[in-house]
């Protein structure tokens, strides 16, 4: 099928991580132009692919902060070159620094992350995006 990735990703999250949270990389992986991917995301979510990727990365950061992984490792795993940049971006999304988030406690972080990643609207929107990008069969 033209315009579809040969490798099937099980989730949007896997694709986001393989694309290193970059919209252009995501477009290359699914074999669409960046503009085609943008149109699909805008029609389904009302947001650009990069804003969705950035939001997903911030959710992953929140989830992973509930583990004992050092902040430097966590930042690198999420595609940040510097811990300071990771901290600034995290604070923009969540209103507090990663260090402050860790102090909140593991249970609260896990509950917050679960609410963010299990929202019905989030799941429905990403399912439609996955189908339109050819990542799942409809």
Protein backbone atom coordinates (compact mmCIF):
# COMPACT_ATOMS: atom_id res chain seq x y z
CA UNK A 1 0.00 0.00 0.00
CA UNK A 2 1.63 3.24 -1.10
CA UNK A 3 2.37 5.82 1.57
CA UNK A 4 2.51 3.31 4.39
CA UNK A 5 5.42 2.23 6.48
CA UNK A 6 6.68 -1.28 5.85
CA UNK A 7 7.18 -1.82 9.57
CA UNK A 8 3.97 -1.79 11.58
CA UNK A 9 4.20 -0.07 14.97
CA UNK A 10 1.93 -1.34 17.67
CA UNK A 11 1.31 2.06 19.20
CA UNK A 12 1.67 5.72 18.49
CA UNK A 13 4.09 5.83 21.40
CA UNK A 14 6.46 3.37 19.73
CA UNK A 15 6.39 5.41 16.55
CA UNK A 16 7.02 8.63 18.48
CA UNK A 17 10.05 7.12 20.17
CA UNK A 18 11.48 5.65 16.95
CA UNK A 19 11.00 9.09 15.33
CA UNK A 20 12.88 10.60 18.28
CA UNK A 21 9.87 12.88 18.89
CA UNK A 22 10.45 14.75 15.62
CA UNK A 23 7.60 15.35 13.16
CA UNK A 24 9.87 15.21 10.11
CA UNK A 25 11.29 11.86 11.21
CA UNK A 26 7.77 10.55 11.83
CA UNK A 27 6.79 11.51 8.26
CA UNK A 28 9.83 9.71 6.84
CA UNK A 29 9.09 6.56 8.85
CA UNK A 30 5.48 6.34 7.66
CA UNK A 31 6.51 7.30 4.11
CA UNK A 32 4.34 10.40 3.88
CA UNK A 33 5.34 13.98 3.28
CA UNK A 34 5.55 16.17 6.39
CA UNK A 35 2.60 18.17 5.05
CA UNK A 36 0.44 15.04 4.63
CA UNK A 37 1.18 13.99 8.20
CA UNK A 38 0.38 17.50 9.40
CA UNK A 39 -2.98 17.49 7.58
CA UNK A 40 -3.90 14.15 9.15
CA UNK A 41 -2.99 15.28 12.66
CA UNK A 42 -4.73 18.63 12.27
CA UNK A 43 -7.93 17.04 10.97
CA UNK A 44 -8.07 14.47 13.77
CA UNK A 45 -6.61 16.27 16.78
CA UNK A 46 -6.63 19.96 15.91
CA UNK A 47 -2.91 20.00 16.71
CA UNK A 48 0.27 19.72 14.69
CA UNK A 49 2.27 16.48 14.76
CA UNK A 50 5.12 18.23 16.58
CA UNK A 51 2.83 19.48 19.33
CA UNK A 52 1.44 15.96 19.79
CA UNK A 53 4.94 14.48 19.83
CA UNK A 54 6.08 17.05 22.38
CA UNK A 55 3.05 16.42 24.55
CA UNK A 56 3.56 12.66 24.38
CA UNK A 57 7.21 13.11 25.33
CA UNK A 58 6.18 15.18 28.35
CA UNK A 59 3.77 12.40 29.40
CA UNK A 60 6.53 9.81 29.05
CA UNK A 61 8.79 11.99 31.16
CA UNK A 62 6.16 12.13 33.87
CA UNK A 63 5.71 8.36 33.79
CA UNK A 64 9.45 7.69 33.87
CA UNK A 65 10.00 10.07 36.76
CA UNK A 66 8.26 7.48 38.92
CA UNK A 67 11.29 5.23 38.37
CA UNK A 68 14.73 5.63 39.95
CA UNK A 69 16.38 6.45 36.58
CA UNK A 70 18.73 9.45 36.95
CA UNK A 71 17.42 12.68 35.39
CA UNK A 72 20.39 12.87 33.02
CA UNK A 73 19.65 9.38 31.66
CA UNK A 74 15.93 10.11 31.46
CA UNK A 75 16.56 13.33 29.53
CA UNK A 76 18.89 11.58 27.09
CA UNK A 77 16.43 8.69 26.58
CA UNK A 78 13.74 11.22 25.67
CA UNK A 79 15.94 12.87 23.05
CA UNK A 80 17.25 15.84 25.00
CA UNK A 81 20.92 16.67 24.68
CA UNK A 82 21.06 18.55 27.98
CA UNK A 83 19.33 18.01 31.30
CA UNK A 84 18.71 21.74 31.63
CA UNK A 85 16.71 21.79 28.38
CA UNK A 86 14.70 18.78 29.55
CA UNK A 87 13.95 20.54 32.83
CA UNK A 88 12.79 23.73 31.09
CA UNK A 89 10.51 21.85 28.69
CA UNK A 90 9.12 19.66 31.48
CA UNK A 91 8.33 22.73 33.59
CA UNK A 92 6.54 24.38 30.65
CA UNK A 93 4.21 21.37 30.34
CA UNK A 94 3.66 20.48 33.97
CA UNK A 95 4.29 23.69 35.94
CA UNK A 96 7.06 22.24 38.08
CA UNK A 97 10.55 20.88 37.58
CA UNK A 98 11.37 17.17 37.21
CA UNK A 99 13.08 17.24 40.61
CA UNK A 100 9.96 18.71 42.20
CA UNK A 101 7.87 16.07 40.42
CA UNK A 102 9.98 13.32 41.93
CA UNK A 103 9.37 14.76 45.38
CA UNK A 104 5.60 14.52 44.81
CA UNK A 105 5.90 10.79 45.17
CA UNK A 106 5.66 7.77 42.93
CA UNK A 107 1.96 7.02 43.49
CA UNK A 108 0.83 10.54 42.62
CA UNK A 109 3.03 10.58 39.51
CA UNK A 110 1.66 7.25 38.35
CA UNK A 111 -1.93 8.37 38.91
CA UNK A 112 -1.35 11.61 37.03
CA UNK A 113 0.37 9.83 34.15
CA UNK A 114 -2.42 7.25 33.98
CA UNK A 115 -5.04 10.01 33.69
CA UNK A 116 -3.06 11.66 30.91
CA UNK A 117 -2.40 8.52 28.86
CA UNK A 118 -5.74 6.79 29.37
CA UNK A 119 -8.03 9.64 28.45
CA UNK A 120 -10.76 8.54 26.08
CA UNK A 121 -10.25 11.50 23.76
CA UNK A 122 -6.50 10.83 23.61
CA UNK A 123 -6.98 7.14 22.76
CA UNK A 124 -9.67 7.80 20.17
CA UNK A 125 -7.71 10.56 18.45
CA UNK A 126 -4.52 8.52 18.31
CA UNK A 127 -6.39 5.48 16.97
CA UNK A 128 -7.70 7.58 14.10
CA UNK A 129 -4.24 9.00 13.44
CA UNK A 130 -2.78 5.46 13.50
CA UNK A 131 -5.38 4.23 11.02
CA UNK A 132 -4.92 7.20 8.69
CA UNK A 133 -1.15 6.75 8.76
CA UNK A 134 -1.61 3.05 8.04
CA UNK A 135 -0.23 1.93 11.38
CA UNK A 136 -3.29 -0.18 12.23
CA UNK A 137 -5.92 -1.83 10.17
CA UNK A 138 -9.31 -0.15 10.50
